[in-house]
Amino acid sequence: MFLKLNHQNLEAYKVSQSLLVDCYKISYTLPDHENFNMISQLRRAALSNVLNIAEGASRKSETERKRFFEIARGSVVEIDAILDAAAALDYLKNIPLDQLGLIYKTHLNW
């Protein structure tokens, strides 16, 4: 943010930043015994998504750019799988995952 680079203007970057914040908020609600498993993996995937969009936006080659964006998309799929597992374990009783998913699915055009 301090450099004011072009990736910050991308809608995907803005949405991924919002997803990162939501994932961190969700991670605070998970049980402590998941600290080195589910919590750290959720946070890493959310951060990886943001970082790959930013790095991809900086690439000159369209092929390279697409590759980074595909990796970012994979991180979103990873987040989805983690949240599915957390829901199956009843860790997310008070979190509206359907609403959250709809927001991001709409913004990411999936």
PDB file of N, CA and C in Angstrom:
ATOM      1  N   MET A   1       0.823  -1.184   0.000  1.00  0.00           N
ATOM      2  CA  MET A   1       0.000   0.000   0.000  1.00  0.00           C
ATOM      3  C   MET A   1       0.870   1.253   0.000  1.00  0.00           C
ATOM      4  N   PHE A   2       1.976   1.197   0.640  1.00  0.00           N
ATOM      5  CA  PHE A   2       2.827   2.377   0.718  1.00  0.00           C
ATOM      6  C   PHE A   2       3.440   2.719  -0.632  1.00  0.00           C
ATOM      7  N   LEU A   3       3.488   1.758  -1.575  1.00  0.00           N
ATOM      8  CA  LEU A   3       4.059   2.024  -2.891  1.00  0.00           C
ATOM      9  C   LEU A   3       3.028   2.459  -3.928  1.00  0.00           C
ATOM     10  N   LYS A   4       1.744   2.247  -3.654  1.00  0.00           N
ATOM     11  CA  LYS A   4       0.666   2.614  -4.582  1.00  0.00           C
ATOM     12  C   LYS A   4       0.874   1.964  -5.956  1.00  0.00           C
ATOM     13  N   LEU A   5       0.924   0.639  -5.975  1.00  0.00           N
ATOM     14  CA  LEU A   5       1.139  -0.098  -7.215  1.00  0.00           C
ATOM     15  C   LEU A   5      -0.190  -0.478  -7.860  1.00  0.00           C
ATOM     16  N   ASN A   6      -0.126  -0.872  -9.128  1.00  0.00           N
ATOM     17  CA  ASN A   6      -1.334  -1.127  -9.911  1.00  0.00           C
ATOM     18  C   ASN A   6      -2.193  -2.277  -9.399  1.00  0.00           C
ATOM     19  N   HIS A   7      -1.603  -3.276  -8.781  1.00  0.00           N
ATOM     20  CA  HIS A   7      -2.404  -4.420  -8.340  1.00  0.00           C
ATOM     21  C   HIS A   7      -3.470  -4.006  -7.328  1.00  0.00           C
ATOM     22  N   GLN A   8      -3.246  -2.908  -6.645  1.00  0.00           N
ATOM     23  CA  GLN A   8      -4.202  -2.438  -5.641  1.00  0.00           C
ATOM     24  C   GLN A   8      -5.498  -1.940  -6.271  1.00  0.00           C
ATOM     25  N   ASN A   9      -5.480  -1.690  -7.573  1.00  0.00           N
ATOM     26  CA  ASN A   9      -6.681  -1.248  -8.271  1.00  0.00           C
ATOM     27  C   ASN A   9      -7.512  -2.409  -8.805  1.00  0.00           C
ATOM     28  N   LEU A  10      -6.962  -3.600  -8.785  1.00  0.00           N
ATOM     29  CA  LEU A  10      -7.690  -4.765  -9.290  1.00  0.00           C
ATOM     30  C   LEU A  10      -8.814  -5.159  -8.345  1.00  0.00           C
ATOM     31  N   GLU A  11      -9.976  -5.433  -8.910  1.00  0.00           N
ATOM     32  CA  GLU A  11     -11.109  -5.880  -8.097  1.00  0.00           C
ATOM     33  C   GLU A  11     -10.769  -7.187  -7.385  1.00  0.00           C
ATOM     34  N   ALA A  12     -10.094  -8.097  -8.077  1.00  0.00           N
ATOM     35  CA  ALA A  12      -9.727  -9.382  -7.460  1.00  0.00           C
ATOM     36  C   ALA A  12      -8.830  -9.175  -6.247  1.00  0.00           C
ATOM     37  N   TYR A  13      -7.944  -8.200  -6.308  1.00  0.00           N
ATOM     38  CA  TYR A  13      -7.063  -7.914  -5.172  1.00  0.00           C
ATOM     39  C   TYR A  13      -7.867  -7.382  -3.988  1.00  0.00           C
ATOM     40  N   LYS A  14      -8.788  -6.458  -4.276  1.00  0.00           N
ATOM     41  CA  LYS A  14      -9.620  -5.887  -3.212  1.00  0.00           C
ATOM     42  C   LYS A  14     -10.474  -6.969  -2.549  1.00  0.00           C
ATOM     43  N   VAL A  15     -11.050  -7.839  -3.367  1.00  0.00           N
ATOM     44  CA  VAL A  15     -11.880  -8.926  -2.836  1.00  0.00           C
ATOM     45  C   VAL A  15     -11.020  -9.897  -2.034  1.00  0.00           C
ATOM     46  N   SER A  16      -9.824 -10.193  -2.531  1.00  0.00           N
ATOM     47  CA  SER A  16      -8.955 -11.131  -1.813  1.00  0.00           C
ATOM     48  C   SER A  16      -8.500 -10.550  -0.476  1.00  0.00           C
ATOM     49  N   GLN A  17      -8.314  -9.242  -0.412  1.00  0.00           N
ATOM     50  CA  GLN A  17      -7.968  -8.592   0.862  1.00  0.00           C
ATOM     51  C   GLN A  17      -9.125  -8.749   1.853  1.00  0.00           C
ATOM     52  N   SER A  18     -10.334  -8.577   1.362  1.00  0.00           N
ATOM     53  CA  SER A  18     -11.511  -8.730   2.207  1.00  0.00           C
ATOM     54  C   SER A  18     -11.651 -10.177   2.684  1.00  0.00           C
ATOM     55  N   LEU A  19     -11.389 -11.121   1.772  1.00  0.00           N
ATOM     56  CA  LEU A  19     -11.433 -12.535   2.138  1.00  0.00           C
ATOM     57  C   LEU A  19     -10.371 -12.853   3.193  1.00  0.00           C
ATOM     58  N   LEU A  20      -9.203 -12.276   3.054  1.00  0.00           N
ATOM     59  CA  LEU A  20      -8.131 -12.458   4.035  1.00  0.00           C
ATOM     60  C   LEU A  20      -8.596 -12.029   5.423  1.00  0.00           C
ATOM     61  N   VAL A  21      -9.201 -10.862   5.502  1.00  0.00           N
ATOM     62  CA  VAL A  21      -9.687 -10.351   6.788  1.00  0.00           C
ATOM     63  C   VAL A  21     -10.754 -11.293   7.353  1.00  0.00           C
ATOM     64  N   ASP A  22     -11.684 -11.726   6.506  1.00  0.00           N
ATOM     65  CA  ASP A  22     -12.730 -12.642   6.971  1.00  0.00           C
ATOM     66  C   ASP A  22     -12.140 -13.963   7.453  1.00  0.00           C
ATOM     67  N   CYS A  23     -11.155 -14.474   6.738  1.00  0.00           N
ATOM     68  CA  CYS A  23     -10.518 -15.739   7.151  1.00  0.00           C
ATOM     69  C   CYS A  23      -9.820 -15.584   8.503  1.00  0.00           C
ATOM     70  N   TYR A  24      -9.159 -14.472   8.707  1.00  0.00           N
ATOM     71  CA  TYR A  24      -8.522 -14.247  10.003  1.00  0.00           C
ATOM     72  C   TYR A  24      -9.558 -14.150  11.109  1.00  0.00           C
ATOM     73  N   LYS A  25     -10.662 -13.461  10.837  1.00  0.00           N
ATOM     74  CA  LYS A  25     -11.724 -13.368  11.841  1.00  0.00           C
ATOM     75  C   LYS A  25     -12.289 -14.746  12.159  1.00  0.00           C
ATOM     76  N   ILE A  26     -12.509 -15.544  11.134  1.00  0.00           N
ATOM     77  CA  ILE A  26     -13.008 -16.908  11.346  1.00  0.00           C
ATOM     78  C   ILE A  26     -11.992 -17.726  12.125  1.00  0.00           C
ATOM     79  N   SER A  27     -10.719 -17.548  11.814  1.00  0.00           N
ATOM     80  CA  SER A  27      -9.680 -18.341  12.490  1.00  0.00           C
ATOM     81  C   SER A  27      -9.660 -18.086  13.995  1.00  0.00           C
ATOM     82  N   TYR A  28     -10.054 -16.882  14.410  1.00  0.00           N
ATOM     83  CA  TYR A  28     -10.093 -16.574  15.839  1.00  0.00           C
ATOM     84  C   TYR A  28     -11.205 -17.332  16.559  1.00  0.00           C
ATOM     85  N   THR A  29     -12.197 -17.812  15.803  1.00  0.00           N
ATOM     86  CA  THR A  29     -13.307 -18.547  16.420  1.00  0.00           C
ATOM     87  C   THR A  29     -13.040 -20.048  16.496  1.00  0.00           C
ATOM     88  N   LEU A  30     -12.013 -20.511  15.819  1.00  0.00           N
ATOM     89  CA  LEU A  30     -11.705 -21.944  15.816  1.00  0.00           C
ATOM     90  C   LEU A  30     -11.069 -22.355  17.139  1.00  0.00           C
ATOM     91  N   PRO A  31     -11.228 -23.619  17.514  1.00  0.00           N
ATOM     92  CA  PRO A  31     -10.665 -24.068  18.797  1.00  0.00           C
ATOM     93  C   PRO A  31      -9.138 -23.988  18.826  1.00  0.00           C
ATOM     94  N   ASP A  32      -8.616 -23.738  19.996  1.00  0.00           N
ATOM     95  CA  ASP A  32      -7.164 -23.595  20.172  1.00  0.00           C
ATOM     96  C   ASP A  32      -6.381 -24.821  19.716  1.00  0.00           C
ATOM     97  N   HIS A  33      -6.969 -26.007  19.859  1.00  0.00           N
ATOM     98  CA  HIS A  33      -6.223 -27.208  19.470  1.00  0.00           C
ATOM     99  C   HIS A  33      -6.014 -27.294  17.953  1.00  0.00           C
ATOM    100  N   GLU A  34      -6.657 -26.417  17.188  1.00  0.00           N
ATOM    101  CA  GLU A  34      -6.451 -26.362  15.738  1.00  0.00           C
ATOM    102  C   GLU A  34      -5.407 -25.307  15.348  1.00  0.00           C
ATOM    103  N   ASN A  35      -4.739 -24.740  16.331  1.00  0.00           N
ATOM    104  CA  ASN A  35      -3.815 -23.637  16.082  1.00  0.00           C
ATOM    105  C   ASN A  35      -2.724 -23.973  15.068  1.00  0.00           C
ATOM    106  N   PHE A  36      -2.158 -25.157  15.135  1.00  0.00           N
ATOM    107  CA  PHE A  36      -1.049 -25.500  14.238  1.00  0.00           C
ATOM    108  C   PHE A  36      -1.510 -26.310  13.042  1.00  0.00           C
ATOM    109  N   ASN A  37      -2.800 -26.486  12.892  1.00  0.00           N
ATOM    110  CA  ASN A  37      -3.347 -27.227  11.767  1.00  0.00           C
ATOM    111  C   ASN A  37      -4.264 -26.328  10.943  1.00  0.00           C
ATOM    112  N   MET A  38      -5.526 -26.378  11.261  1.00  0.00           N
ATOM    113  CA  MET A  38      -6.530 -25.687  10.468  1.00  0.00           C
ATOM    114  C   MET A  38      -6.344 -24.168  10.481  1.00  0.00           C
ATOM    115  N   ILE A  39      -6.061 -23.603  11.616  1.00  0.00           N
ATOM    116  CA  ILE A  39      -5.929 -22.148  11.724  1.00  0.00           C
ATOM    117  C   ILE A  39      -4.759 -21.640  10.882  1.00  0.00           C
ATOM    118  N   SER A  40      -3.609 -22.257  11.042  1.00  0.00           N
ATOM    119  CA  SER A  40      -2.444 -21.779  10.285  1.00  0.00           C
ATOM    120  C   SER A  40      -2.619 -22.026   8.791  1.00  0.00           C
ATOM    121  N   GLN A  41      -3.242 -23.135   8.425  1.00  0.00           N
ATOM    122  CA  GLN A  41      -3.444 -23.427   7.005  1.00  0.00           C
ATOM    123  C   GLN A  41      -4.439 -22.441   6.382  1.00  0.00           C
ATOM    124  N   LEU A  42      -5.491 -22.107   7.111  1.00  0.00           N
ATOM    125  CA  LEU A  42      -6.479 -21.136   6.622  1.00  0.00           C
ATOM    126  C   LEU A  42      -5.821 -19.776   6.409  1.00  0.00           C
ATOM    127  N   ARG A  43      -5.042 -19.359   7.356  1.00  0.00           N
ATOM    128  CA  ARG A  43      -4.367 -18.064   7.239  1.00  0.00           C
ATOM    129  C   ARG A  43      -3.354 -18.055   6.096  1.00  0.00           C
ATOM    130  N   ARG A  44      -2.598 -19.146   5.964  1.00  0.00           N
ATOM    131  CA  ARG A  44      -1.614 -19.221   4.876  1.00  0.00           C
ATOM    132  C   ARG A  44      -2.285 -19.185   3.511  1.00  0.00           C
ATOM    133  N   ALA A  45      -3.391 -19.918   3.367  1.00  0.00           N
ATOM    134  CA  ALA A  45      -4.097 -19.943   2.082  1.00  0.00           C
ATOM    135  C   ALA A  45      -4.666 -18.563   1.752  1.00  0.00           C
ATOM    136  N   ALA A  46      -5.222 -17.889   2.743  1.00  0.00           N
ATOM    137  CA  ALA A  46      -5.788 -16.558   2.516  1.00  0.00           C
ATOM    138  C   ALA A  46      -4.696 -15.561   2.128  1.00  0.00           C
ATOM    139  N   LEU A  47      -3.570 -15.629   2.795  1.00  0.00           N
ATOM    140  CA  LEU A  47      -2.460 -14.733   2.472  1.00  0.00           C
ATOM    141  C   LEU A  47      -1.858 -15.077   1.111  1.00  0.00           C
ATOM    142  N   SER A  48      -1.738 -16.365   0.815  1.00  0.00           N
ATOM    143  CA  SER A  48      -1.216 -16.797  -0.476  1.00  0.00           C
ATOM    144  C   SER A  48      -2.076 -16.267  -1.616  1.00  0.00           C
ATOM    145  N   ASN A  49      -3.376 -16.278  -1.428  1.00  0.00           N
ATOM    146  CA  ASN A  49      -4.294 -15.750  -2.434  1.00  0.00           C
ATOM    147  C   ASN A  49      -3.966 -14.286  -2.739  1.00  0.00           C
ATOM    148  N   VAL A  50      -3.861 -13.481  -1.718  1.00  0.00           N
ATOM    149  CA  VAL A  50      -3.555 -12.049  -1.885  1.00  0.00           C
ATOM    150  C   VAL A  50      -2.191 -11.856  -2.554  1.00  0.00           C
ATOM    151  N   LEU A  51      -1.199 -12.570  -2.067  1.00  0.00           N
ATOM    152  CA  LEU A  51       0.159 -12.388  -2.573  1.00  0.00           C
ATOM    153  C   LEU A  51       0.301 -12.817  -4.030  1.00  0.00           C
ATOM    154  N   ASN A  52      -0.366 -13.894  -4.412  1.00  0.00           N
ATOM    155  CA  ASN A  52      -0.272 -14.347  -5.800  1.00  0.00           C
ATOM    156  C   ASN A  52      -0.993 -13.413  -6.760  1.00  0.00           C
ATOM    157  N   ILE A  53      -2.086 -12.816  -6.324  1.00  0.00           N
ATOM    158  CA  ILE A  53      -2.748 -11.818  -7.173  1.00  0.00           C
ATOM    159  C   ILE A  53      -1.832 -10.608  -7.349  1.00  0.00           C
ATOM    160  N   ALA A  54      -1.232 -10.156  -6.264  1.00  0.00           N
ATOM    161  CA  ALA A  54      -0.324  -9.010  -6.347  1.00  0.00           C
ATOM    162  C   ALA A  54       0.871  -9.320  -7.239  1.00  0.00           C
ATOM    163  N   GLU A  55       1.477 -10.475  -7.037  1.00  0.00           N
ATOM    164  CA  GLU A  55       2.654 -10.810  -7.841  1.00  0.00           C
ATOM    165  C   GLU A  55       2.291 -11.038  -9.301  1.00  0.00           C
ATOM    166  N   GLY A  56       1.169 -11.691  -9.535  1.00  0.00           N
ATOM    167  CA  GLY A  56       0.727 -11.918 -10.908  1.00  0.00           C
ATOM    168  C   GLY A  56       0.491 -10.618 -11.655  1.00  0.00           C
ATOM    169  N   ALA A  57      -0.073  -9.642 -10.963  1.00  0.00           N
ATOM    170  CA  ALA A  57      -0.350  -8.353 -11.589  1.00  0.00           C
ATOM    171  C   ALA A  57       0.933  -7.639 -12.016  1.00  0.00           C
ATOM    172  N   SER A  58       2.036  -7.980 -11.388  1.00  0.00           N
ATOM    173  CA  SER A  58       3.298  -7.309 -11.713  1.00  0.00           C
ATOM    174  C   SER A  58       4.030  -7.954 -12.893  1.00  0.00           C
ATOM    175  N   ARG A  59       3.561  -9.115 -13.339  1.00  0.00           N
ATOM    176  CA  ARG A  59       4.249  -9.828 -14.416  1.00  0.00           C
ATOM    177  C   ARG A  59       3.933  -9.228 -15.781  1.00  0.00           C
ATOM    178  N   LYS A  60       4.951  -9.138 -16.618  1.00  0.00           N
ATOM    179  CA  LYS A  60       4.784  -8.589 -17.963  1.00  0.00           C
ATOM    180  C   LYS A  60       4.149  -9.608 -18.914  1.00  0.00           C
ATOM    181  N   SER A  61       4.513 -10.841 -18.760  1.00  0.00           N
ATOM    182  CA  SER A  61       4.026 -11.904 -19.633  1.00  0.00           C
ATOM    183  C   SER A  61       2.618 -12.343 -19.225  1.00  0.00           C
ATOM    184  N   GLU A  62       1.724 -12.441 -20.190  1.00  0.00           N
ATOM    185  CA  GLU A  62       0.357 -12.881 -19.903  1.00  0.00           C
ATOM    186  C   GLU A  62       0.353 -14.311 -19.371  1.00  0.00           C
ATOM    187  N   THR A  63       1.234 -15.140 -19.876  1.00  0.00           N
ATOM    188  CA  THR A  63       1.322 -16.523 -19.418  1.00  0.00           C
ATOM    189  C   THR A  63       1.702 -16.582 -17.944  1.00  0.00           C
ATOM    190  N   GLU A  64       2.693 -15.803 -17.564  1.00  0.00           N
ATOM    191  CA  GLU A  64       3.103 -15.756 -16.156  1.00  0.00           C
ATOM    192  C   GLU A  64       2.001 -15.197 -15.276  1.00  0.00           C
ATOM    193  N   ARG A  65       1.369 -14.142 -15.750  1.00  0.00           N
ATOM    194  CA  ARG A  65       0.289 -13.503 -14.995  1.00  0.00           C
ATOM    195  C   ARG A  65      -0.838 -14.507 -14.731  1.00  0.00           C
ATOM    196  N   LYS A  66      -1.244 -15.213 -15.776  1.00  0.00           N
ATOM    197  CA  LYS A  66      -2.310 -16.203 -15.633  1.00  0.00           C
ATOM    198  C   LYS A  66      -1.919 -17.302 -14.656  1.00  0.00           C
ATOM    199  N   ARG A  67      -0.666 -17.700 -14.682  1.00  0.00           N
ATOM    200  CA  ARG A  67      -0.195 -18.761 -13.773  1.00  0.00           C
ATOM    201  C   ARG A  67      -0.339 -18.319 -12.313  1.00  0.00           C
ATOM    202  N   PHE A  68       0.066 -17.116 -12.000  1.00  0.00           N
ATOM    203  CA  PHE A  68      -0.071 -16.622 -10.628  1.00  0.00           C
ATOM    204  C   PHE A  68      -1.544 -16.507 -10.228  1.00  0.00           C
ATOM    205  N   PHE A  69      -2.378 -16.074 -11.168  1.00  0.00           N
ATOM    206  CA  PHE A  69      -3.804 -15.966 -10.871  1.00  0.00           C
ATOM    207  C   PHE A  69      -4.422 -17.350 -10.651  1.00  0.00           C
ATOM    208  N   GLU A  70      -3.946 -18.345 -11.383  1.00  0.00           N
ATOM    209  CA  GLU A  70      -4.426 -19.721 -11.172  1.00  0.00           C
ATOM    210  C   GLU A  70      -4.014 -20.242  -9.797  1.00  0.00           C
ATOM    211  N   ILE A  71      -2.806 -19.919  -9.385  1.00  0.00           N
ATOM    212  CA  ILE A  71      -2.352 -20.319  -8.047  1.00  0.00           C
ATOM    213  C   ILE A  71      -3.215 -19.631  -6.990  1.00  0.00           C
ATOM    214  N   ALA A  72      -3.529 -18.355  -7.204  1.00  0.00           N
ATOM    215  CA  ALA A  72      -4.404 -17.628  -6.274  1.00  0.00           C
ATOM    216  C   ALA A  72      -5.769 -18.293  -6.207  1.00  0.00           C
ATOM    217  N   ARG A  73      -6.285 -18.697  -7.353  1.00  0.00           N
ATOM    218  CA  ARG A  73      -7.586 -19.374  -7.385  1.00  0.00           C
ATOM    219  C   ARG A  73      -7.513 -20.680  -6.604  1.00  0.00           C
ATOM    220  N   GLY A  74      -6.410 -21.388  -6.735  1.00  0.00           N
ATOM    221  CA  GLY A  74      -6.224 -22.621  -5.970  1.00  0.00           C
ATOM    222  C   GLY A  74      -6.259 -22.376  -4.473  1.00  0.00           C
ATOM    223  N   SER A  75      -5.733 -21.253  -4.049  1.00  0.00           N
ATOM    224  CA  SER A  75      -5.772 -20.907  -2.623  1.00  0.00           C
ATOM    225  C   SER A  75      -7.200 -20.673  -2.152  1.00  0.00           C
ATOM    226  N   VAL A  76      -8.029 -20.087  -3.014  1.00  0.00           N
ATOM    227  CA  VAL A  76      -9.434 -19.882  -2.649  1.00  0.00           C
ATOM    228  C   VAL A  76     -10.142 -21.227  -2.519  1.00  0.00           C
ATOM    229  N   VAL A  77      -9.825 -22.153  -3.407  1.00  0.00           N
ATOM    230  CA  VAL A  77     -10.404 -23.496  -3.319  1.00  0.00           C
ATOM    231  C   VAL A  77      -9.946 -24.169  -2.023  1.00  0.00           C
ATOM    232  N   GLU A  78      -8.699 -23.956  -1.657  1.00  0.00           N
ATOM    233  CA  GLU A  78      -8.170 -24.492  -0.402  1.00  0.00           C
ATOM    234  C   GLU A  78      -8.920 -23.904   0.798  1.00  0.00           C
ATOM    235  N   ILE A  79      -9.167 -22.612   0.768  1.00  0.00           N
ATOM    236  CA  ILE A  79      -9.937 -21.967   1.839  1.00  0.00           C
ATOM    237  C   ILE A  79     -11.317 -22.601   1.943  1.00  0.00           C
ATOM    238  N   ASP A  80     -11.951 -22.806   0.801  1.00  0.00           N
ATOM    239  CA  ASP A  80     -13.282 -23.414   0.775  1.00  0.00           C
ATOM    240  C   ASP A  80     -13.254 -24.807   1.409  1.00  0.00           C
ATOM    241  N   ALA A  81     -12.247 -25.597   1.079  1.00  0.00           N
ATOM    242  CA  ALA A  81     -12.137 -26.946   1.635  1.00  0.00           C
ATOM    243  C   ALA A  81     -11.899 -26.914   3.148  1.00  0.00           C
ATOM    244  N   ILE A  82     -11.089 -25.981   3.598  1.00  0.00           N
ATOM    245  CA  ILE A  82     -10.825 -25.842   5.036  1.00  0.00           C
ATOM    246  C   ILE A  82     -12.110 -25.469   5.763  1.00  0.00           C
ATOM    247  N   LEU A  83     -12.861 -24.528   5.199  1.00  0.00           N
ATOM    248  CA  LEU A  83     -14.104 -24.107   5.844  1.00  0.00           C
ATOM    249  C   LEU A  83     -15.148 -25.220   5.814  1.00  0.00           C
ATOM    250  N   ASP A  84     -15.153 -26.035   4.753  1.00  0.00           N
ATOM    251  CA  ASP A  84     -16.037 -27.210   4.711  1.00  0.00           C
ATOM    252  C   ASP A  84     -15.697 -28.165   5.856  1.00  0.00           C
ATOM    253  N   ALA A  85     -14.413 -28.414   6.045  1.00  0.00           N
ATOM    254  CA  ALA A  85     -13.981 -29.315   7.116  1.00  0.00           C
ATOM    255  C   ALA A  85     -14.340 -28.740   8.481  1.00  0.00           C
ATOM    256  N   ALA A  86     -14.119 -27.455   8.651  1.00  0.00           N
ATOM    257  CA  ALA A  86     -14.435 -26.801   9.929  1.00  0.00           C
ATOM    258  C   ALA A  86     -15.939 -26.864  10.209  1.00  0.00           C
ATOM    259  N   ALA A  87     -16.742 -26.675   9.179  1.00  0.00           N
ATOM    260  CA  ALA A  87     -18.195 -26.762   9.344  1.00  0.00           C
ATOM    261  C   ALA A  87     -18.608 -28.185   9.695  1.00  0.00           C
ATOM    262  N   ALA A  88     -17.999 -29.170   9.056  1.00  0.00           N
ATOM    263  CA  ALA A  88     -18.316 -30.568   9.337  1.00  0.00           C
ATOM    264  C   ALA A  88     -17.970 -30.951  10.776  1.00  0.00           C
ATOM    265  N   LEU A  89     -16.984 -30.282  11.330  1.00  0.00           N
ATOM    266  CA  LEU A  89     -16.580 -30.530  12.714  1.00  0.00           C
ATOM    267  C   LEU A  89     -17.343 -29.643  13.707  1.00  0.00           C
ATOM    268  N   ASP A  90     -18.331 -28.922  13.219  1.00  0.00           N
ATOM    269  CA  ASP A  90     -19.162 -28.012  14.029  1.00  0.00           C
ATOM    270  C   ASP A  90     -18.363 -26.882  14.669  1.00  0.00           C
ATOM    271  N   TYR A  91     -17.324 -26.429  13.994  1.00  0.00           N
ATOM    272  CA  TYR A  91     -16.541 -25.314  14.507  1.00  0.00           C
ATOM    273  C   TYR A  91     -17.136 -23.960  14.120  1.00  0.00           C
ATOM    274  N   LEU A  92     -18.029 -23.948  13.135  1.00  0.00           N
ATOM    275  CA  LEU A  92     -18.503 -22.685  12.565  1.00  0.00           C
ATOM    276  C   LEU A  92     -20.004 -22.501  12.750  1.00  0.00           C
ATOM    277  N   LYS A  93     -20.498 -22.811  13.912  1.00  0.00           N
ATOM    278  CA  LYS A  93     -21.938 -22.784  14.164  1.00  0.00           C
ATOM    279  C   LYS A  93     -22.571 -21.411  13.949  1.00  0.00           C
ATOM    280  N   ASN A  94     -21.902 -20.354  14.291  1.00  0.00           N
ATOM    281  CA  ASN A  94     -22.483 -19.010  14.216  1.00  0.00           C
ATOM    282  C   ASN A  94     -21.960 -18.185  13.053  1.00  0.00           C
ATOM    283  N   ILE A  95     -21.346 -18.824  12.074  1.00  0.00           N
ATOM    284  CA  ILE A  95     -20.773 -18.098  10.942  1.00  0.00           C
ATOM    285  C   ILE A  95     -21.579 -18.429   9.685  1.00  0.00           C
ATOM    286  N   PRO A  96     -22.139 -17.416   9.038  1.00  0.00           N
ATOM    287  CA  PRO A  96     -22.984 -17.641   7.851  1.00  0.00           C
ATOM    288  C   PRO A  96     -22.148 -17.933   6.600  1.00  0.00           C
ATOM    289  N   LEU A  97     -21.665 -19.162   6.472  1.00  0.00           N
ATOM    290  CA  LEU A  97     -20.797 -19.509   5.349  1.00  0.00           C
ATOM    291  C   LEU A  97     -21.493 -19.365   4.005  1.00  0.00           C
ATOM    292  N   ASP A  98     -22.778 -19.673   3.934  1.00  0.00           N
ATOM    293  CA  ASP A  98     -23.490 -19.537   2.659  1.00  0.00           C
ATOM    294  C   ASP A  98     -23.463 -18.088   2.184  1.00  0.00           C
ATOM    295  N   GLN A  99     -23.707 -17.174   3.085  1.00  0.00           N
ATOM    296  CA  GLN A  99     -23.702 -15.747   2.752  1.00  0.00           C
ATOM    297  C   GLN A  99     -22.290 -15.310   2.363  1.00  0.00           C
ATOM    298  N   LEU A 100     -21.309 -15.748   3.119  1.00  0.00           N
ATOM    299  CA  LEU A 100     -19.916 -15.405   2.836  1.00  0.00           C
ATOM    300  C   LEU A 100     -19.506 -15.944   1.467  1.00  0.00           C
ATOM    301  N   GLY A 101     -19.856 -17.188   1.185  1.00  0.00           N
ATOM    302  CA  GLY A 101     -19.514 -17.793  -0.101  1.00  0.00           C
ATOM    303  C   GLY A 101     -20.164 -17.085  -1.265  1.00  0.00           C
ATOM    304  N   LEU A 102     -21.409 -16.676  -1.099  1.00  0.00           N
ATOM    305  CA  LEU A 102     -22.118 -15.983  -2.161  1.00  0.00           C
ATOM    306  C   LEU A 102     -21.451 -14.650  -2.488  1.00  0.00           C
ATOM    307  N   ILE A 103     -21.024 -13.950  -1.464  1.00  0.00           N
ATOM    308  CA  ILE A 103     -20.352 -12.660  -1.671  1.00  0.00           C
ATOM    309  C   ILE A 103     -19.094 -12.854  -2.514  1.00  0.00           C
ATOM    310  N   TYR A 104     -18.261 -13.805  -2.156  1.00  0.00           N
ATOM    311  CA  TYR A 104     -16.988 -13.987  -2.862  1.00  0.00           C
ATOM    312  C   TYR A 104     -17.171 -14.631  -4.219  1.00  0.00           C
ATOM    313  N   LYS A 105     -18.110 -15.547  -4.322  1.00  0.00           N
ATOM    314  CA  LYS A 105     -18.364 -16.184  -5.610  1.00  0.00           C
ATOM    315  C   LYS A 105     -18.836 -15.149  -6.628  1.00  0.00           C
ATOM    316  N   THR A 106     -19.670 -14.225  -6.195  1.00  0.00           N
ATOM    317  CA  THR A 106     -20.168 -13.163  -7.071  1.00  0.00           C
ATOM    318  C   THR A 106     -19.028 -12.245  -7.510  1.00  0.00           C
ATOM    319  N   HIS A 107     -18.182 -11.841  -6.585  1.00  0.00           N
ATOM    320  CA  HIS A 107     -17.083 -10.931  -6.903  1.00  0.00           C
ATOM    321  C   HIS A 107     -16.013 -11.586  -7.770  1.00  0.00           C
ATOM    322  N   LEU A 108     -15.833 -12.884  -7.600  1.00  0.00           N
ATOM    323  CA  LEU A 108     -14.781 -13.565  -8.355  1.00  0.00           C
ATOM    324  C   LEU A 108     -15.295 -14.158  -9.668  1.00  0.00           C
ATOM    325  N   ASN A 109     -16.594 -13.983  -9.937  1.00  0.00           N
ATOM    326  CA  ASN A 109     -17.204 -14.468 -11.173  1.00  0.00           C
ATOM    327  C   ASN A 109     -17.012 -15.961 -11.382  1.00  0.00           C
ATOM    328  N   TRP A 110     -17.230 -16.741 -10.345  1.00  0.00           N
ATOM    329  CA  TRP A 110     -17.101 -18.204 -10.457  1.00  0.00           C
ATOM    330  C   TRP A 110     -18.446 -18.834 -10.548  1.00  0.00           C
TER     331      TRP A 110
END
